[in-house]
Amino acid sequence: MNFNASATSNLSSHGGECQHGFGDVLKYLLFGVIFALSLCGNGFVCWVVWRRQRMRTVMNYFLVNLAIDDLAFTLRCQSGCVYNFQREISLRV
């Protein structure tokens, strides 16, 4: 196989293990927690309005719309942040 230098620049000379600092791990954990809370919270809002007849008001439909938008925003931004973190780690020398 043909590997370029940027793909292997974050490998150590001690067994080829990837070197991540504490800050990198903390970033991944923080974004994972935010991602999980966003999915659970916004999903719960949508589920409650869908399941309960008396919750189906104009105001709650507006809140469901905001929750769906927040879910879409979370899915898009979290994937972009993870990609940028991985790119940042691979560019370190």
PDB file of N, CA and C in Angstrom:
ATOM      1  N   MET A   1       0.832  -1.182   0.000  1.00  0.00           N
ATOM      2  CA  MET A   1       0.000   0.000   0.000  1.00  0.00           C
ATOM      3  C   MET A   1       0.871   1.238   0.000  1.00  0.00           C
ATOM      4  N   ASN A   2       0.284   2.292  -0.485  1.00  0.00           N
ATOM      5  CA  ASN A   2       1.010   3.544  -0.574  1.00  0.00           C
ATOM      6  C   ASN A   2       0.379   4.552   0.378  1.00  0.00           C
ATOM      7  N   PHE A   3       1.080   4.873   1.456  1.00  0.00           N
ATOM      8  CA  PHE A   3       0.572   5.834   2.428  1.00  0.00           C
ATOM      9  C   PHE A   3       1.297   7.153   2.264  1.00  0.00           C
ATOM     10  N   ASN A   4       0.547   8.250   2.363  1.00  0.00           N
ATOM     11  CA  ASN A   4       1.210   9.542   2.326  1.00  0.00           C
ATOM     12  C   ASN A   4       1.587   9.971   3.735  1.00  0.00           C
ATOM     13  N   ALA A   5       2.387  11.000   3.845  1.00  0.00           N
ATOM     14  CA  ALA A   5       2.914  11.425   5.144  1.00  0.00           C
ATOM     15  C   ALA A   5       1.829  11.991   6.045  1.00  0.00           C
ATOM     16  N   SER A   6       0.838  12.659   5.478  1.00  0.00           N
ATOM     17  CA  SER A   6      -0.189  13.271   6.334  1.00  0.00           C
ATOM     18  C   SER A   6      -1.072  12.224   6.990  1.00  0.00           C
ATOM     19  N   ALA A   7      -1.264  11.096   6.350  1.00  0.00           N
ATOM     20  CA  ALA A   7      -2.121  10.062   6.924  1.00  0.00           C
ATOM     21  C   ALA A   7      -1.441   9.342   8.080  1.00  0.00           C
ATOM     22  N   THR A   8      -0.108   9.334   8.094  1.00  0.00           N
ATOM     23  CA  THR A   8       0.611   8.615   9.135  1.00  0.00           C
ATOM     24  C   THR A   8       1.368   9.546  10.066  1.00  0.00           C
ATOM     25  N   SER A   9       1.159  10.858   9.961  1.00  0.00           N
ATOM     26  CA  SER A   9       1.935  11.797  10.767  1.00  0.00           C
ATOM     27  C   SER A   9       1.589  11.736  12.244  1.00  0.00           C
ATOM     28  N   ASN A  10       0.405  11.257  12.603  1.00  0.00           N
ATOM     29  CA  ASN A  10       0.026  11.207  14.017  1.00  0.00           C
ATOM     30  C   ASN A  10       0.326   9.851  14.646  1.00  0.00           C
ATOM     31  N   LEU A  11       1.053   9.006  13.956  1.00  0.00           N
ATOM     32  CA  LEU A  11       1.429   7.716  14.512  1.00  0.00           C
ATOM     33  C   LEU A  11       2.769   7.852  15.228  1.00  0.00           C
ATOM     34  N   SER A  12       2.876   7.240  16.356  1.00  0.00           N
ATOM     35  CA  SER A  12       4.124   7.309  17.101  1.00  0.00           C
ATOM     36  C   SER A  12       5.085   6.247  16.596  1.00  0.00           C
ATOM     37  N   SER A  13       6.332   6.392  16.990  1.00  0.00           N
ATOM     38  CA  SER A  13       7.329   5.398  16.607  1.00  0.00           C
ATOM     39  C   SER A  13       7.283   4.193  17.544  1.00  0.00           C
ATOM     40  N   HIS A  14       6.433   4.212  18.555  1.00  0.00           N
ATOM     41  CA  HIS A  14       6.325   3.128  19.524  1.00  0.00           C
ATOM     42  C   HIS A  14       5.104   2.267  19.211  1.00  0.00           C
ATOM     43  N   GLY A  15       5.183   1.440  18.223  1.00  0.00           N
ATOM     44  CA  GLY A  15       4.109   0.508  17.924  1.00  0.00           C
ATOM     45  C   GLY A  15       3.037   1.052  17.011  1.00  0.00           C
ATOM     46  N   GLY A  16       3.155   2.266  16.520  1.00  0.00           N
ATOM     47  CA  GLY A  16       2.193   2.814  15.581  1.00  0.00           C
ATOM     48  C   GLY A  16       0.867   3.217  16.201  1.00  0.00           C
ATOM     49  N   GLU A  17       0.834   3.469  17.510  1.00  0.00           N
ATOM     50  CA  GLU A  17      -0.403   3.871  18.151  1.00  0.00           C
ATOM     51  C   GLU A  17      -0.644   5.355  17.949  1.00  0.00           C
ATOM     52  N   CYS A  18      -1.891   5.725  17.834  1.00  0.00           N
ATOM     53  CA  CYS A  18      -2.273   7.109  17.620  1.00  0.00           C
ATOM     54  C   CYS A  18      -2.117   7.890  18.915  1.00  0.00           C
ATOM     55  N   GLN A  19      -1.517   9.070  18.842  1.00  0.00           N
ATOM     56  CA  GLN A  19      -1.273   9.890  20.023  1.00  0.00           C
ATOM     57  C   GLN A  19      -2.332  10.969  20.133  1.00  0.00           C
ATOM     58  N   HIS A  20      -3.232  10.844  21.106  1.00  0.00           N
ATOM     59  CA  HIS A  20      -4.247  11.848  21.378  1.00  0.00           C
ATOM     60  C   HIS A  20      -3.965  12.449  22.743  1.00  0.00           C
ATOM     61  N   GLY A  21      -4.052  13.763  22.827  1.00  0.00           N
ATOM     62  CA  GLY A  21      -3.880  14.424  24.106  1.00  0.00           C
ATOM     63  C   GLY A  21      -5.161  14.410  24.907  1.00  0.00           C
ATOM     64  N   PHE A  22      -5.049  14.841  26.163  1.00  0.00           N
ATOM     65  CA  PHE A  22      -6.212  14.896  27.031  1.00  0.00           C
ATOM     66  C   PHE A  22      -7.255  15.857  26.485  1.00  0.00           C
ATOM     67  N   GLY A  23      -6.820  16.957  25.890  1.00  0.00           N
ATOM     68  CA  GLY A  23      -7.747  17.928  25.313  1.00  0.00           C
ATOM     69  C   GLY A  23      -8.552  17.346  24.167  1.00  0.00           C
ATOM     70  N   ASP A  24      -7.910  16.510  23.359  1.00  0.00           N
ATOM     71  CA  ASP A  24      -8.619  15.878  22.246  1.00  0.00           C
ATOM     72  C   ASP A  24      -9.709  14.938  22.746  1.00  0.00           C
ATOM     73  N   VAL A  25      -9.373  14.138  23.748  1.00  0.00           N
ATOM     74  CA  VAL A  25     -10.342  13.203  24.306  1.00  0.00           C
ATOM     75  C   VAL A  25     -11.484  13.970  24.964  1.00  0.00           C
ATOM     76  N   LEU A  26     -11.154  15.057  25.658  1.00  0.00           N
ATOM     77  CA  LEU A  26     -12.169  15.874  26.302  1.00  0.00           C
ATOM     78  C   LEU A  26     -13.113  16.499  25.275  1.00  0.00           C
ATOM     79  N   LYS A  27     -12.575  16.940  24.148  1.00  0.00           N
ATOM     80  CA  LYS A  27     -13.420  17.495  23.075  1.00  0.00           C
ATOM     81  C   LYS A  27     -14.398  16.454  22.550  1.00  0.00           C
ATOM     82  N   TYR A  28     -13.892  15.254  22.284  1.00  0.00           N
ATOM     83  CA  TYR A  28     -14.767  14.192  21.779  1.00  0.00           C
ATOM     84  C   TYR A  28     -15.853  13.834  22.796  1.00  0.00           C
ATOM     85  N   LEU A  29     -15.484  13.746  24.063  1.00  0.00           N
ATOM     86  CA  LEU A  29     -16.472  13.414  25.089  1.00  0.00           C
ATOM     87  C   LEU A  29     -17.513  14.521  25.234  1.00  0.00           C
ATOM     88  N   LEU A  30     -17.068  15.774  25.231  1.00  0.00           N
ATOM     89  CA  LEU A  30     -17.988  16.893  25.370  1.00  0.00           C
ATOM     90  C   LEU A  30     -18.974  16.945  24.211  1.00  0.00           C
ATOM     91  N   PHE A  31     -18.482  16.792  23.002  1.00  0.00           N
ATOM     92  CA  PHE A  31     -19.376  16.807  21.854  1.00  0.00           C
ATOM     93  C   PHE A  31     -20.277  15.586  21.822  1.00  0.00           C
ATOM     94  N   GLY A  32     -19.799  14.461  22.312  1.00  0.00           N
ATOM     95  CA  GLY A  32     -20.649  13.283  22.405  1.00  0.00           C
ATOM     96  C   GLY A  32     -21.797  13.479  23.382  1.00  0.00           C
ATOM     97  N   VAL A  33     -21.503  14.110  24.520  1.00  0.00           N
ATOM     98  CA  VAL A  33     -22.544  14.377  25.513  1.00  0.00           C
ATOM     99  C   VAL A  33     -23.561  15.372  24.958  1.00  0.00           C
ATOM    100  N   ILE A  34     -23.083  16.436  24.317  1.00  0.00           N
ATOM    101  CA  ILE A  34     -23.989  17.423  23.727  1.00  0.00           C
ATOM    102  C   ILE A  34     -24.861  16.769  22.659  1.00  0.00           C
ATOM    103  N   PHE A  35     -24.275  15.917  21.840  1.00  0.00           N
ATOM    104  CA  PHE A  35     -25.003  15.218  20.792  1.00  0.00           C
ATOM    105  C   PHE A  35     -26.099  14.328  21.389  1.00  0.00           C
ATOM    106  N   ALA A  36     -25.746  13.567  22.418  1.00  0.00           N
ATOM    107  CA  ALA A  36     -26.715  12.666  23.037  1.00  0.00           C
ATOM    108  C   ALA A  36     -27.848  13.440  23.707  1.00  0.00           C
ATOM    109  N   LEU A  37     -27.520  14.509  24.425  1.00  0.00           N
ATOM    110  CA  LEU A  37     -28.553  15.313  25.078  1.00  0.00           C
ATOM    111  C   LEU A  37     -29.484  15.966  24.060  1.00  0.00           C
ATOM    112  N   SER A  38     -28.926  16.429  22.960  1.00  0.00           N
ATOM    113  CA  SER A  38     -29.747  17.048  21.923  1.00  0.00           C
ATOM    114  C   SER A  38     -30.703  16.032  21.302  1.00  0.00           C
ATOM    115  N   LEU A  39     -30.195  14.851  20.998  1.00  0.00           N
ATOM    116  CA  LEU A  39     -31.054  13.814  20.427  1.00  0.00           C
ATOM    117  C   LEU A  39     -32.162  13.413  21.396  1.00  0.00           C
ATOM    118  N   CYS A  40     -31.814  13.200  22.648  1.00  0.00           N
ATOM    119  CA  CYS A  40     -32.808  12.774  23.637  1.00  0.00           C
ATOM    120  C   CYS A  40     -33.824  13.873  23.922  1.00  0.00           C
ATOM    121  N   GLY A  41     -33.363  15.074  24.175  1.00  0.00           N
ATOM    122  CA  GLY A  41     -34.266  16.161  24.531  1.00  0.00           C
ATOM    123  C   GLY A  41     -35.208  16.545  23.408  1.00  0.00           C
ATOM    124  N   ASN A  42     -34.680  16.757  22.230  1.00  0.00           N
ATOM    125  CA  ASN A  42     -35.523  17.149  21.103  1.00  0.00           C
ATOM    126  C   ASN A  42     -36.410  16.004  20.638  1.00  0.00           C
ATOM    127  N   GLY A  43     -35.885  14.794  20.697  1.00  0.00           N
ATOM    128  CA  GLY A  43     -36.710  13.638  20.368  1.00  0.00           C
ATOM    129  C   GLY A  43     -37.865  13.469  21.338  1.00  0.00           C
ATOM    130  N   PHE A  44     -37.612  13.747  22.616  1.00  0.00           N
ATOM    131  CA  PHE A  44     -38.662  13.657  23.627  1.00  0.00           C
ATOM    132  C   PHE A  44     -39.751  14.696  23.386  1.00  0.00           C
ATOM    133  N   VAL A  45     -39.366  15.914  23.018  1.00  0.00           N
ATOM    134  CA  VAL A  45     -40.356  16.956  22.712  1.00  0.00           C
ATOM    135  C   VAL A  45     -41.258  16.497  21.565  1.00  0.00           C
ATOM    136  N   CYS A  46     -40.650  15.993  20.501  1.00  0.00           N
ATOM    137  CA  CYS A  46     -41.437  15.520  19.350  1.00  0.00           C
ATOM    138  C   CYS A  46     -42.333  14.356  19.744  1.00  0.00           C
ATOM    139  N   TRP A  47     -41.814  13.429  20.535  1.00  0.00           N
ATOM    140  CA  TRP A  47     -42.583  12.254  20.930  1.00  0.00           C
ATOM    141  C   TRP A  47     -43.798  12.636  21.783  1.00  0.00           C
ATOM    142  N   VAL A  48     -43.605  13.551  22.743  1.00  0.00           N
ATOM    143  CA  VAL A  48     -44.699  13.944  23.632  1.00  0.00           C
ATOM    144  C   VAL A  48     -45.824  14.611  22.843  1.00  0.00           C
ATOM    145  N   VAL A  49     -45.464  15.511  21.937  1.00  0.00           N
ATOM    146  CA  VAL A  49     -46.498  16.194  21.150  1.00  0.00           C
ATOM    147  C   VAL A  49     -47.202  15.205  20.227  1.00  0.00           C
ATOM    148  N   TRP A  50     -46.487  14.236  19.706  1.00  0.00           N
ATOM    149  CA  TRP A  50     -47.084  13.246  18.808  1.00  0.00           C
ATOM    150  C   TRP A  50     -48.015  12.299  19.561  1.00  0.00           C
ATOM    151  N   ARG A  51     -47.636  11.898  20.795  1.00  0.00           N
ATOM    152  CA  ARG A  51     -48.410  10.905  21.540  1.00  0.00           C
ATOM    153  C   ARG A  51     -49.628  11.468  22.273  1.00  0.00           C
ATOM    154  N   ARG A  52     -49.575  12.699  22.728  1.00  0.00           N
ATOM    155  CA  ARG A  52     -50.642  13.275  23.549  1.00  0.00           C
ATOM    156  C   ARG A  52     -51.551  14.166  22.715  1.00  0.00           C
ATOM    157  N   GLN A  53     -52.806  13.839  22.683  1.00  0.00           N
ATOM    158  CA  GLN A  53     -53.781  14.587  21.891  1.00  0.00           C
ATOM    159  C   GLN A  53     -53.893  16.033  22.370  1.00  0.00           C
ATOM    160  N   ARG A  54     -53.916  16.229  23.677  1.00  0.00           N
ATOM    161  CA  ARG A  54     -54.097  17.597  24.189  1.00  0.00           C
ATOM    162  C   ARG A  54     -52.862  18.476  23.988  1.00  0.00           C
ATOM    163  N   MET A  55     -51.725  17.889  23.627  1.00  0.00           N
ATOM    164  CA  MET A  55     -50.501  18.669  23.381  1.00  0.00           C
ATOM    165  C   MET A  55     -50.430  19.182  21.933  1.00  0.00           C
ATOM    166  N   ARG A  56     -51.387  18.785  21.127  1.00  0.00           N
ATOM    167  CA  ARG A  56     -51.375  19.184  19.712  1.00  0.00           C
ATOM    168  C   ARG A  56     -52.038  20.543  19.533  1.00  0.00           C
ATOM    169  N   THR A  57     -51.296  21.566  19.930  1.00  0.00           N
ATOM    170  CA  THR A  57     -51.753  22.944  19.754  1.00  0.00           C
ATOM    171  C   THR A  57     -50.820  23.642  18.770  1.00  0.00           C
ATOM    172  N   VAL A  58     -51.225  24.809  18.341  1.00  0.00           N
ATOM    173  CA  VAL A  58     -50.413  25.566  17.391  1.00  0.00           C
ATOM    174  C   VAL A  58     -49.052  25.889  17.996  1.00  0.00           C
ATOM    175  N   MET A  59     -49.040  26.281  19.253  1.00  0.00           N
ATOM    176  CA  MET A  59     -47.779  26.613  19.921  1.00  0.00           C
ATOM    177  C   MET A  59     -46.856  25.402  20.018  1.00  0.00           C
ATOM    178  N   ASN A  60     -47.411  24.252  20.341  1.00  0.00           N
ATOM    179  CA  ASN A  60     -46.584  23.059  20.448  1.00  0.00           C
ATOM    180  C   ASN A  60     -46.103  22.577  19.084  1.00  0.00           C
ATOM    181  N   TYR A  61     -46.889  22.787  18.027  1.00  0.00           N
ATOM    182  CA  TYR A  61     -46.399  22.483  16.685  1.00  0.00           C
ATOM    183  C   TYR A  61     -45.214  23.364  16.332  1.00  0.00           C
ATOM    184  N   PHE A  62     -45.250  24.605  16.786  1.00  0.00           N
ATOM    185  CA  PHE A  62     -44.113  25.491  16.585  1.00  0.00           C
ATOM    186  C   PHE A  62     -42.889  24.968  17.336  1.00  0.00           C
ATOM    187  N   LEU A  63     -43.094  24.480  18.560  1.00  0.00           N
ATOM    188  CA  LEU A  63     -41.982  23.916  19.330  1.00  0.00           C
ATOM    189  C   LEU A  63     -41.432  22.644  18.688  1.00  0.00           C
ATOM    190  N   VAL A  64     -42.310  21.827  18.113  1.00  0.00           N
ATOM    191  CA  VAL A  64     -41.848  20.629  17.405  1.00  0.00           C
ATOM    192  C   VAL A  64     -41.027  21.036  16.183  1.00  0.00           C
ATOM    193  N   ASN A  65     -41.469  22.067  15.493  1.00  0.00           N
ATOM    194  CA  ASN A  65     -40.709  22.564  14.356  1.00  0.00           C
ATOM    195  C   ASN A  65     -39.317  23.008  14.797  1.00  0.00           C
ATOM    196  N   LEU A  66     -39.217  23.708  15.910  1.00  0.00           N
ATOM    197  CA  LEU A  66     -37.920  24.125  16.435  1.00  0.00           C
ATOM    198  C   LEU A  66     -37.075  22.925  16.859  1.00  0.00           C
ATOM    199  N   ALA A  67     -37.713  21.916  17.449  1.00  0.00           N
ATOM    200  CA  ALA A  67     -36.986  20.723  17.872  1.00  0.00           C
ATOM    201  C   ALA A  67     -36.428  19.960  16.675  1.00  0.00           C
ATOM    202  N   ILE A  68     -37.212  19.852  15.614  1.00  0.00           N
ATOM    203  CA  ILE A  68     -36.744  19.173  14.398  1.00  0.00           C
ATOM    204  C   ILE A  68     -35.600  19.952  13.768  1.00  0.00           C
ATOM    205  N   ASP A  69     -35.724  21.273  13.747  1.00  0.00           N
ATOM    206  CA  ASP A  69     -34.643  22.102  13.217  1.00  0.00           C
ATOM    207  C   ASP A  69     -33.378  21.946  14.058  1.00  0.00           C
ATOM    208  N   ASP A  70     -33.532  21.892  15.365  1.00  0.00           N
ATOM    209  CA  ASP A  70     -32.385  21.715  16.242  1.00  0.00           C
ATOM    210  C   ASP A  70     -31.744  20.347  16.037  1.00  0.00           C
ATOM    211  N   LEU A  71     -32.547  19.329  15.806  1.00  0.00           N
ATOM    212  CA  LEU A  71     -32.000  18.003  15.504  1.00  0.00           C
ATOM    213  C   LEU A  71     -31.187  18.018  14.212  1.00  0.00           C
ATOM    214  N   ALA A  72     -31.732  18.662  13.190  1.00  0.00           N
ATOM    215  CA  ALA A  72     -31.006  18.751  11.915  1.00  0.00           C
ATOM    216  C   ALA A  72     -29.708  19.531  12.083  1.00  0.00           C
ATOM    217  N   PHE A  73     -29.762  20.622  12.828  1.00  0.00           N
ATOM    218  CA  PHE A  73     -28.575  21.431  13.085  1.00  0.00           C
ATOM    219  C   PHE A  73     -27.535  20.633  13.863  1.00  0.00           C
ATOM    220  N   THR A  74     -27.981  19.881  14.860  1.00  0.00           N
ATOM    221  CA  THR A  74     -27.072  19.067  15.663  1.00  0.00           C
ATOM    222  C   THR A  74     -26.396  18.000  14.811  1.00  0.00           C
ATOM    223  N   LEU A  75     -27.174  17.316  13.998  1.00  0.00           N
ATOM    224  CA  LEU A  75     -26.600  16.264  13.148  1.00  0.00           C
ATOM    225  C   LEU A  75     -25.582  16.831  12.175  1.00  0.00           C
ATOM    226  N   ARG A  76     -25.878  17.979  11.603  1.00  0.00           N
ATOM    227  CA  ARG A  76     -24.959  18.578  10.634  1.00  0.00           C
ATOM    228  C   ARG A  76     -23.710  19.129  11.303  1.00  0.00           C
ATOM    229  N   CYS A  77     -23.880  19.859  12.373  1.00  0.00           N
ATOM    230  CA  CYS A  77     -22.728  20.507  13.007  1.00  0.00           C
ATOM    231  C   CYS A  77     -21.827  19.524  13.740  1.00  0.00           C
ATOM    232  N   GLN A  78     -22.398  18.526  14.376  1.00  0.00           N
ATOM    233  CA  GLN A  78     -21.568  17.564  15.100  1.00  0.00           C
ATOM    234  C   GLN A  78     -20.689  16.778  14.144  1.00  0.00           C
ATOM    235  N   SER A  79     -21.231  16.374  13.024  1.00  0.00           N
ATOM    236  CA  SER A  79     -20.410  15.628  12.069  1.00  0.00           C
ATOM    237  C   SER A  79     -19.302  16.511  11.504  1.00  0.00           C
ATOM    238  N   GLY A  80     -19.597  17.776  11.279  1.00  0.00           N
ATOM    239  CA  GLY A  80     -18.574  18.698  10.793  1.00  0.00           C
ATOM    240  C   GLY A  80     -17.491  18.950  11.827  1.00  0.00           C
ATOM    241  N   CYS A  81     -17.863  19.047  13.087  1.00  0.00           N
ATOM    242  CA  CYS A  81     -16.880  19.263  14.154  1.00  0.00           C
ATOM    243  C   CYS A  81     -15.969  18.049  14.314  1.00  0.00           C
ATOM    244  N   VAL A  82     -16.533  16.863  14.278  1.00  0.00           N
ATOM    245  CA  VAL A  82     -15.718  15.652  14.393  1.00  0.00           C
ATOM    246  C   VAL A  82     -14.748  15.566  13.223  1.00  0.00           C
ATOM    247  N   TYR A  83     -15.195  15.893  12.021  1.00  0.00           N
ATOM    248  CA  TYR A  83     -14.314  15.885  10.859  1.00  0.00           C
ATOM    249  C   TYR A  83     -13.174  16.882  11.055  1.00  0.00           C
ATOM    250  N   ASN A  84     -13.482  18.085  11.545  1.00  0.00           N
ATOM    251  CA  ASN A  84     -12.445  19.092  11.758  1.00  0.00           C
ATOM    252  C   ASN A  84     -11.467  18.673  12.843  1.00  0.00           C
ATOM    253  N   PHE A  85     -11.950  18.024  13.909  1.00  0.00           N
ATOM    254  CA  PHE A  85     -11.052  17.540  14.953  1.00  0.00           C
ATOM    255  C   PHE A  85     -10.099  16.487  14.402  1.00  0.00           C
ATOM    256  N   GLN A  86     -10.627  15.566  13.613  1.00  0.00           N
ATOM    257  CA  GLN A  86      -9.777  14.525  13.045  1.00  0.00           C
ATOM    258  C   GLN A  86      -8.747  15.122  12.094  1.00  0.00           C
ATOM    259  N   ARG A  87      -9.165  16.096  11.327  1.00  0.00           N
ATOM    260  CA  ARG A  87      -8.242  16.756  10.401  1.00  0.00           C
ATOM    261  C   ARG A  87      -7.173  17.516  11.171  1.00  0.00           C
ATOM    262  N   GLU A  88      -7.552  18.189  12.251  1.00  0.00           N
ATOM    263  CA  GLU A  88      -6.606  18.924  13.068  1.00  0.00           C
ATOM    264  C   GLU A  88      -5.575  17.978  13.691  1.00  0.00           C
ATOM    265  N   ILE A  89      -6.034  16.828  14.173  1.00  0.00           N
ATOM    266  CA  ILE A  89      -5.127  15.864  14.787  1.00  0.00           C
ATOM    267  C   ILE A  89      -4.170  15.294  13.742  1.00  0.00           C
ATOM    268  N   SER A  90      -4.684  15.013  12.545  1.00  0.00           N
ATOM    269  CA  SER A  90      -3.818  14.409  11.526  1.00  0.00           C
ATOM    270  C   SER A  90      -2.799  15.396  10.968  1.00  0.00           C
ATOM    271  N   LEU A  91      -3.037  16.698  11.102  1.00  0.00           N
ATOM    272  CA  LEU A  91      -2.093  17.700  10.590  1.00  0.00           C
ATOM    273  C   LEU A  91      -1.007  18.053  11.585  1.00  0.00           C
ATOM    274  N   ARG A  92      -1.142  17.598  12.823  1.00  0.00           N
ATOM    275  CA  ARG A  92      -0.106  17.870  13.822  1.00  0.00           C
ATOM    276  C   ARG A  92       1.157  17.120  13.483  1.00  0.00           C
ATOM    277  N   VAL A  93       2.254  17.739  13.777  1.00  0.00           N
ATOM    278  CA  VAL A  93       3.544  17.078  13.513  1.00  0.00           C
ATOM    279  C   VAL A  93       4.253  16.767  14.792  1.00  0.00           C
TER     280      VAL A  93
END
